[in-house]
């Protein structure tokens, strides 16, 4: 092979490889990427909600009892 042909073939191959690499790099930049959505879990519960009891809803008004008078302490004399 002549030196001039070798030089032209080398430059042509180098140019071809640079163009392929450029096309691949720029092609990946042009493709729109899917939007990454954030998932936010606030609260998950598989248990039933507690039901209020009727006693908590109704407050019964009872008549207050008379205070208990303490019995006097009696000491025994021996």
N, C-alpha and C. Protein backbone atom coordinates (compact mmCIF):
# COMPACT_ATOMS: atom_id res chain seq x y z
N UNK A 1 0.84 -1.15 0.00
CA UNK A 1 0.00 0.00 0.00
C UNK A 1 0.90 1.24 0.00
N UNK A 2 0.51 2.23 -0.72
CA UNK A 2 1.30 3.45 -0.78
C UNK A 2 1.07 4.28 0.48
N UNK A 3 1.98 5.12 0.79
CA UNK A 3 1.91 5.95 2.00
C UNK A 3 0.74 6.92 1.93
N UNK A 4 0.46 7.47 0.76
CA UNK A 4 -0.64 8.42 0.63
C UNK A 4 -1.99 7.74 0.84
N UNK A 5 -2.12 6.51 0.35
CA UNK A 5 -3.37 5.76 0.56
C UNK A 5 -3.55 5.40 2.04
N UNK A 6 -2.47 5.02 2.70
CA UNK A 6 -2.52 4.67 4.12
C UNK A 6 -2.94 5.88 4.95
N UNK A 7 -2.41 7.04 4.66
CA UNK A 7 -2.75 8.26 5.38
C UNK A 7 -4.21 8.63 5.16
N UNK A 8 -4.72 8.53 3.95
CA UNK A 8 -6.11 8.87 3.64
C UNK A 8 -7.06 7.86 4.30
N UNK A 9 -6.69 6.59 4.28
CA UNK A 9 -7.54 5.56 4.90
C UNK A 9 -7.58 5.74 6.42
N UNK A 10 -6.45 6.09 7.01
CA UNK A 10 -6.41 6.31 8.47
C UNK A 10 -7.27 7.50 8.86
N UNK A 11 -7.14 8.60 8.12
CA UNK A 11 -7.96 9.77 8.43
C UNK A 11 -9.44 9.50 8.18
N UNK A 12 -9.76 8.77 7.12
CA UNK A 12 -11.15 8.45 6.83
C UNK A 12 -11.76 7.58 7.91
N UNK A 13 -11.00 6.58 8.39
CA UNK A 13 -11.49 5.70 9.46
C UNK A 13 -11.66 6.48 10.76
N UNK A 14 -10.69 7.33 11.06
CA UNK A 14 -10.79 8.15 12.27
C UNK A 14 -12.00 9.08 12.20
N UNK A 15 -12.22 9.73 11.07
CA UNK A 15 -13.37 10.61 10.89
C UNK A 15 -14.67 9.83 11.04
N UNK A 16 -14.73 8.62 10.44
CA UNK A 16 -15.94 7.80 10.52
C UNK A 16 -16.24 7.40 11.97
N UNK A 17 -15.22 7.00 12.72
CA UNK A 17 -15.42 6.61 14.11
C UNK A 17 -15.84 7.80 14.97
N UNK A 18 -15.27 8.95 14.75
CA UNK A 18 -15.65 10.15 15.51
C UNK A 18 -17.10 10.52 15.21
N UNK A 19 -17.52 10.42 13.98
CA UNK A 19 -18.90 10.75 13.62
C UNK A 19 -19.89 9.75 14.23
N UNK A 20 -19.55 8.47 14.25
CA UNK A 20 -20.42 7.46 14.87
C UNK A 20 -20.54 7.72 16.37
N UNK A 21 -19.41 8.00 17.04
CA UNK A 21 -19.44 8.27 18.48
C UNK A 21 -20.26 9.52 18.77
N UNK A 22 -20.11 10.57 17.96
CA UNK A 22 -20.87 11.80 18.13
C UNK A 22 -22.36 11.55 17.95
N UNK A 23 -22.72 10.76 16.93
CA UNK A 23 -24.14 10.47 16.67
C UNK A 23 -24.75 9.68 17.81
N UNK A 24 -24.00 8.72 18.36
CA UNK A 24 -24.52 7.94 19.49
C UNK A 24 -24.69 8.81 20.73
N UNK A 25 -23.70 9.66 20.99
CA UNK A 25 -23.77 10.52 22.17
C UNK A 25 -24.90 11.54 22.05
N UNK A 26 -25.00 12.21 20.95
CA UNK A 26 -26.04 13.21 20.77
C UNK A 26 -27.42 12.57 20.63
N UNK A 27 -27.48 11.38 20.07
CA UNK A 27 -28.75 10.68 19.94
C UNK A 27 -29.33 10.33 21.30
N UNK A 28 -28.47 9.95 22.24
CA UNK A 28 -28.97 9.63 23.58
C UNK A 28 -29.41 10.89 24.32
N UNK A 29 -28.84 12.04 23.95
CA UNK A 29 -29.26 13.30 24.59
C UNK A 29 -30.60 13.77 24.05
N UNK A 30 -30.92 13.44 22.82
CA UNK A 30 -32.15 13.92 22.19
C UNK A 30 -33.37 13.10 22.58
N UNK A 31 -33.17 11.87 23.00
CA UNK A 31 -34.31 11.01 23.36
C UNK A 31 -34.89 11.51 24.68
N UNK A 32 -36.17 11.84 24.73
CA UNK A 32 -36.74 12.32 25.99
C UNK A 32 -36.79 11.19 27.02
N UNK A 33 -36.37 11.52 28.20
CA UNK A 33 -36.37 10.54 29.29
C UNK A 33 -37.72 10.59 30.00
N UNK A 34 -38.21 9.45 30.47
CA UNK A 34 -39.49 9.48 31.18
C UNK A 34 -39.36 10.24 32.50
N UNK A 35 -40.43 10.89 32.86
CA UNK A 35 -40.45 11.68 34.08
C UNK A 35 -40.51 10.73 35.27
N UNK A 36 -39.63 10.93 36.21
CA UNK A 36 -39.62 10.11 37.42
C UNK A 36 -40.61 10.74 38.39
N UNK A 37 -41.62 9.99 38.73
CA UNK A 37 -42.64 10.50 39.65
C UNK A 37 -42.33 9.99 41.05
N UNK A 38 -42.55 10.85 42.01
CA UNK A 38 -42.32 10.47 43.39
C UNK A 38 -43.62 9.92 43.97
N UNK A 39 -43.50 8.82 44.66
CA UNK A 39 -44.65 8.22 45.32
C UNK A 39 -44.56 8.57 46.80
N UNK A 40 -45.62 9.18 47.30
CA UNK A 40 -45.65 9.57 48.69
C UNK A 40 -46.78 8.80 49.36
N UNK A 41 -46.43 7.99 50.34
CA UNK A 41 -47.42 7.23 51.10
C UNK A 41 -47.65 7.97 52.40
N UNK A 42 -48.86 8.44 52.59
CA UNK A 42 -49.13 9.20 53.81
C UNK A 42 -49.41 8.28 54.98
N UNK A 43 -50.37 7.37 54.83
CA UNK A 43 -50.69 6.46 55.91
C UNK A 43 -51.46 5.28 55.35
N UNK A 44 -51.10 4.10 55.79
CA UNK A 44 -51.79 2.89 55.37
C UNK A 44 -52.19 2.15 56.64
N UNK A 45 -53.47 1.81 56.74
CA UNK A 45 -53.94 1.09 57.91
C UNK A 45 -54.95 0.04 57.46
N UNK A 46 -54.72 -1.18 57.90
CA UNK A 46 -55.63 -2.26 57.57
C UNK A 46 -56.54 -2.60 58.75
N UNK A 47 -56.43 -1.86 59.83
CA UNK A 47 -57.25 -2.10 61.01
C UNK A 47 -58.52 -1.27 60.92
N UNK A 48 -59.58 -1.77 61.56
CA UNK A 48 -60.82 -1.00 61.61
C UNK A 48 -60.64 0.18 62.54
N UNK A 49 -61.36 1.24 62.22
CA UNK A 49 -61.30 2.41 63.08
C UNK A 49 -62.09 2.13 64.35
N UNK A 50 -61.61 2.57 65.50
CA UNK A 50 -62.33 2.31 66.75
C UNK A 50 -63.65 3.08 66.77
N UNK A 51 -64.68 2.39 67.22
CA UNK A 51 -66.00 3.02 67.31
C UNK A 51 -66.18 3.58 68.71
N UNK A 52 -66.74 4.76 68.83
CA UNK A 52 -66.92 5.33 70.17
C UNK A 52 -67.98 4.55 70.96
N UNK A 53 -67.71 4.38 72.23
CA UNK A 53 -68.65 3.66 73.09
C UNK A 53 -69.74 4.62 73.55
N UNK A 54 -70.93 4.11 73.83
CA UNK A 54 -72.02 4.99 74.29
C UNK A 54 -71.69 5.67 75.61
N UNK A 55 -70.90 5.02 76.48
CA UNK A 55 -70.57 5.64 77.76
C UNK A 55 -69.72 6.88 77.55
N UNK A 56 -68.90 6.89 76.54
CA UNK A 56 -68.06 8.05 76.29
C UNK A 56 -68.89 9.20 75.72
N UNK A 57 -69.96 8.88 75.03
CA UNK A 57 -70.79 9.93 74.44
C UNK A 57 -71.72 10.56 75.47
N UNK A 58 -72.27 9.77 76.36
CA UNK A 58 -73.21 10.28 77.35
C UNK A 58 -72.53 10.35 78.71
N UNK A 59 -72.61 11.51 79.32
CA UNK A 59 -72.06 11.66 80.66
C UNK A 59 -73.23 11.62 81.63
N UNK A 60 -73.19 10.65 82.50
CA UNK A 60 -74.29 10.49 83.47
C UNK A 60 -74.01 11.39 84.67
N UNK A 61 -75.05 12.11 85.06
CA UNK A 61 -74.93 12.97 86.23
C UNK A 61 -75.51 12.21 87.42
N UNK A 62 -74.62 11.78 88.26
CA UNK A 62 -75.06 11.03 89.44
C UNK A 62 -75.11 11.98 90.64
N UNK A 63 -75.95 11.61 91.59
CA UNK A 63 -76.04 12.40 92.82
C UNK A 63 -74.79 12.11 93.63
N UNK A 64 -74.08 13.15 94.03
CA UNK A 64 -72.85 12.89 94.79
C UNK A 64 -73.19 12.30 96.16
N UNK A 65 -72.40 11.36 96.56
CA UNK A 65 -72.59 10.72 97.87
C UNK A 65 -72.11 11.64 98.97
N UNK A 66 -72.70 11.44 100.16
CA UNK A 66 -72.29 12.25 101.30
C UNK A 66 -70.88 11.82 101.71
N UNK A 67 -70.08 12.74 102.09
CA UNK A 67 -68.73 12.36 102.48
C UNK A 67 -68.75 11.44 103.70
N UNK A 68 -67.90 10.49 103.69
CA UNK A 68 -67.81 9.53 104.80
C UNK A 68 -67.05 10.18 105.94
N UNK A 69 -67.68 10.16 107.10
CA UNK A 69 -67.04 10.76 108.26
C UNK A 69 -66.12 9.71 108.89
N UNK A 70 -64.92 10.10 109.15
CA UNK A 70 -64.02 9.12 109.76
C UNK A 70 -64.43 8.85 111.22
N UNK A 71 -64.29 7.59 111.62
CA UNK A 71 -64.64 7.21 112.98
C UNK A 71 -63.50 7.62 113.90
N UNK A 72 -63.87 8.11 115.06
CA UNK A 72 -62.81 8.51 115.99
C UNK A 72 -62.02 7.30 116.47
N UNK A 73 -60.76 7.52 116.65
CA UNK A 73 -59.89 6.44 117.12
C UNK A 73 -60.00 6.37 118.63
N UNK A 74 -60.35 5.18 119.09
CA UNK A 74 -60.50 4.97 120.53
C UNK A 74 -59.39 4.05 121.00
N UNK A 75 -58.64 4.54 121.94
CA UNK A 75 -57.55 3.70 122.44
C UNK A 75 -58.07 2.94 123.67
N UNK A 76 -57.67 1.72 123.77
CA UNK A 76 -58.07 0.89 124.91
C UNK A 76 -57.06 1.06 126.03
N UNK A 77 -57.60 1.21 127.21
CA UNK A 77 -56.72 1.34 128.37
C UNK A 77 -56.57 -0.05 128.96
N UNK A 78 -55.44 -0.39 129.29
CA UNK A 78 -55.22 -1.72 129.85
C UNK A 78 -54.94 -1.71 131.31
